[in-house]
Amino acid sequence: MGQTEYQSGERVPRSGDYEQVNVFGSWTGWVAELTEGESFPAGPRGFGWRPLSERPAAELRAQAAEYRRMAETARTEIALSGLLKVAGRLDERERAEREAKP
């Protein structure tokens, strides 16, 4: 299945988590929880947004582990809680994808 990419300013087709990708299609680290009908956030020219649900389970698991490693060195409670929250959301998404497969 090909990946769907949306541009900044376009309307969100369905509510969910979306990741920002650069001009090469690589993940930038930005994730946004968006609601159907709102606009995708602004970004640099050529950057876009794709549904987090399109990332493979192994990639989600690896990214969650990276956020946990980053949390170990966080210097503020806000940074620590934010990193752990994103890692938890990635874990949930990975678990859902794994359970959906036959």
C-alpha atoms as a PDB file:
ATOM      1  CA  MET A   1       0.000   0.000   0.000  1.00  0.00           C
ATOM      2  CA  GLY A   2       1.361   3.435  -0.932  1.00  0.00           C
ATOM      3  CA  GLN A   3       1.665   6.152   1.643  1.00  0.00           C
ATOM      4  CA  THR A   4      -0.746   9.052   1.676  1.00  0.00           C
ATOM      5  CA  GLU A   5       0.771  12.495   2.126  1.00  0.00           C
ATOM      6  CA  TYR A   6      -1.044  15.765   2.813  1.00  0.00           C
ATOM      7  CA  GLN A   7       0.254  19.311   2.521  1.00  0.00           C
ATOM      8  CA  SER A   8       0.112  22.068   5.127  1.00  0.00           C
ATOM      9  CA  GLY A   9      -3.192  23.912   4.990  1.00  0.00           C
ATOM     10  CA  GLU A  10      -5.154  20.989   3.516  1.00  0.00           C
ATOM     11  CA  ARG A  11      -8.146  19.713   5.469  1.00  0.00           C
ATOM     12  CA  VAL A  12      -7.649  16.663   7.687  1.00  0.00           C
ATOM     13  CA  PRO A  13      -9.688  13.791   6.134  1.00  0.00           C
ATOM     14  CA  ARG A  14     -10.123  11.833   9.388  1.00  0.00           C
ATOM     15  CA  SER A  15      -9.182  12.362  13.020  1.00  0.00           C
ATOM     16  CA  GLY A  16      -5.976  10.762  14.267  1.00  0.00           C
ATOM     17  CA  ASP A  17      -2.252  11.115  14.719  1.00  0.00           C
ATOM     18  CA  TYR A  18      -0.219  12.475  11.802  1.00  0.00           C
ATOM     19  CA  GLU A  19       3.549  12.770  11.419  1.00  0.00           C
ATOM     20  CA  GLN A  20       5.406  15.456   9.544  1.00  0.00           C
ATOM     21  CA  VAL A  21       7.723  14.259   6.762  1.00  0.00           C
ATOM     22  CA  ASN A  22      10.424  16.193   4.926  1.00  0.00           C
ATOM     23  CA  VAL A  23      10.931  16.551   1.178  1.00  0.00           C
ATOM     24  CA  PHE A  24      12.520  13.074   1.080  1.00  0.00           C
ATOM     25  CA  GLY A  25       9.609  11.459   2.927  1.00  0.00           C
ATOM     26  CA  SER A  26      11.641  10.980   6.113  1.00  0.00           C
ATOM     27  CA  TRP A  27      10.066  11.568   9.488  1.00  0.00           C
ATOM     28  CA  THR A  28      10.959  14.955  11.056  1.00  0.00           C
ATOM     29  CA  GLY A  29       9.990  14.072  14.621  1.00  0.00           C
ATOM     30  CA  TRP A  30       6.828  16.188  14.689  1.00  0.00           C
ATOM     31  CA  VAL A  31       3.572  14.392  15.510  1.00  0.00           C
ATOM     32  CA  ALA A  32       0.186  16.116  15.684  1.00  0.00           C
ATOM     33  CA  GLU A  33      -3.123  14.778  16.963  1.00  0.00           C
ATOM     34  CA  LEU A  34      -5.601  16.283  14.495  1.00  0.00           C
ATOM     35  CA  THR A  35      -9.378  16.357  14.184  1.00  0.00           C
ATOM     36  CA  GLU A  36     -11.288  15.799  10.970  1.00  0.00           C
ATOM     37  CA  GLY A  37     -11.953  19.060   9.149  1.00  0.00           C
ATOM     38  CA  GLU A  38      -9.182  21.144  10.710  1.00  0.00           C
ATOM     39  CA  SER A  39      -6.175  22.236   8.647  1.00  0.00           C
ATOM     40  CA  PHE A  40      -2.804  20.523   8.689  1.00  0.00           C
ATOM     41  CA  PRO A  41      -0.227  22.684  10.526  1.00  0.00           C
ATOM     42  CA  ALA A  42       2.153  24.913   8.596  1.00  0.00           C
ATOM     43  CA  GLY A  43       5.611  23.586   7.820  1.00  0.00           C
ATOM     44  CA  PRO A  44       8.635  24.312   5.660  1.00  0.00           C
ATOM     45  CA  ARG A  45       8.195  24.257   1.886  1.00  0.00           C
ATOM     46  CA  GLY A  46       8.034  20.700   0.577  1.00  0.00           C
ATOM     47  CA  PHE A  47       7.242  19.139   3.953  1.00  0.00           C
ATOM     48  CA  GLY A  48       3.983  17.234   4.366  1.00  0.00           C
ATOM     49  CA  TRP A  49       1.929  15.130   6.759  1.00  0.00           C
ATOM     50  CA  ARG A  50       1.023  11.442   6.667  1.00  0.00           C
ATOM     51  CA  PRO A  51      -1.104   9.280   8.954  1.00  0.00           C
ATOM     52  CA  LEU A  52       0.942   7.677  11.703  1.00  0.00           C
ATOM     53  CA  SER A  53      -1.129   4.547  11.105  1.00  0.00           C
ATOM     54  CA  GLU A  54       0.805   4.004   7.850  1.00  0.00           C
ATOM     55  CA  ARG A  55       4.103   3.374   9.648  1.00  0.00           C
ATOM     56  CA  PRO A  56       5.084  -0.302   9.987  1.00  0.00           C
ATOM     57  CA  ALA A  57       4.877  -1.833  13.489  1.00  0.00           C
ATOM     58  CA  ALA A  58       8.646  -2.391  13.695  1.00  0.00           C
ATOM     59  CA  GLU A  59       9.310   1.251  12.881  1.00  0.00           C
ATOM     60  CA  LEU A  60       6.831   2.398  15.547  1.00  0.00           C
ATOM     61  CA  ARG A  61       8.438   0.112  18.138  1.00  0.00           C
ATOM     62  CA  ALA A  62      11.923   1.445  17.319  1.00  0.00           C
ATOM     63  CA  GLN A  63      10.767   5.056  17.497  1.00  0.00           C
ATOM     64  CA  ALA A  64       9.089   4.473  20.877  1.00  0.00           C
ATOM     65  CA  ALA A  65      12.339   2.984  22.214  1.00  0.00           C
ATOM     66  CA  GLU A  66      14.251   6.032  20.963  1.00  0.00           C
ATOM     67  CA  TYR A  67      11.855   8.378  22.801  1.00  0.00           C
ATOM     68  CA  ARG A  68      12.357   6.367  25.994  1.00  0.00           C
ATOM     69  CA  ARG A  69      16.145   6.699  25.637  1.00  0.00           C
ATOM     70  CA  MET A  70      15.720  10.441  25.161  1.00  0.00           C
ATOM     71  CA  ALA A  71      13.501  10.617  28.261  1.00  0.00           C
ATOM     72  CA  GLU A  72      16.324   9.155  30.365  1.00  0.00           C
ATOM     73  CA  THR A  73      18.342  12.327  29.760  1.00  0.00           C
ATOM     74  CA  ALA A  74      15.467  14.844  29.952  1.00  0.00           C
ATOM     75  CA  ARG A  75      16.303  17.808  32.167  1.00  0.00           C
ATOM     76  CA  THR A  76      12.773  19.019  32.876  1.00  0.00           C
ATOM     77  CA  GLU A  77       9.585  17.304  33.979  1.00  0.00           C
ATOM     78  CA  ILE A  78       7.758  18.741  30.948  1.00  0.00           C
ATOM     79  CA  ALA A  79      10.284  17.216  28.533  1.00  0.00           C
ATOM     80  CA  LEU A  80      10.241  13.890  30.376  1.00  0.00           C
ATOM     81  CA  SER A  81       6.452  13.617  30.421  1.00  0.00           C
ATOM     82  CA  GLY A  82       6.170  14.719  26.772  1.00  0.00           C
ATOM     83  CA  LEU A  83       8.677  12.147  25.557  1.00  0.00           C
ATOM     84  CA  LEU A  84       7.050   9.363  27.553  1.00  0.00           C
ATOM     85  CA  LYS A  85       3.594  10.385  26.292  1.00  0.00           C
ATOM     86  CA  VAL A  86       4.706  10.188  22.658  1.00  0.00           C
ATOM     87  CA  ALA A  87       6.436   6.840  23.313  1.00  0.00           C
ATOM     88  CA  GLY A  88       3.216   5.526  24.852  1.00  0.00           C
ATOM     89  CA  ARG A  89       1.156   6.659  21.860  1.00  0.00           C
ATOM     90  CA  LEU A  90       3.582   4.967  19.484  1.00  0.00           C
ATOM     91  CA  ASP A  91       3.367   1.772  21.560  1.00  0.00           C
ATOM     92  CA  GLU A  92      -0.441   1.891  21.399  1.00  0.00           C
ATOM     93  CA  ARG A  93      -0.359   2.385  17.626  1.00  0.00           C
ATOM     94  CA  GLU A  94       2.131  -0.485  17.192  1.00  0.00           C
ATOM     95  CA  ARG A  95       0.023  -2.798  19.371  1.00  0.00           C
ATOM     96  CA  ALA A  96      -3.131  -1.935  17.402  1.00  0.00           C
ATOM     97  CA  GLU A  97      -1.384  -2.631  14.095  1.00  0.00           C
ATOM     98  CA  ARG A  98       0.013  -5.942  15.349  1.00  0.00           C
ATOM     99  CA  GLU A  99      -3.426  -7.068  16.604  1.00  0.00           C
ATOM    100  CA  ALA A 100      -5.098  -6.057  13.317  1.00  0.00           C
ATOM    101  CA  LYS A 101      -2.891  -8.380  11.269  1.00  0.00           C
ATOM    102  CA  PRO A 102      -4.203 -11.931  10.683  1.00  0.00           C
END
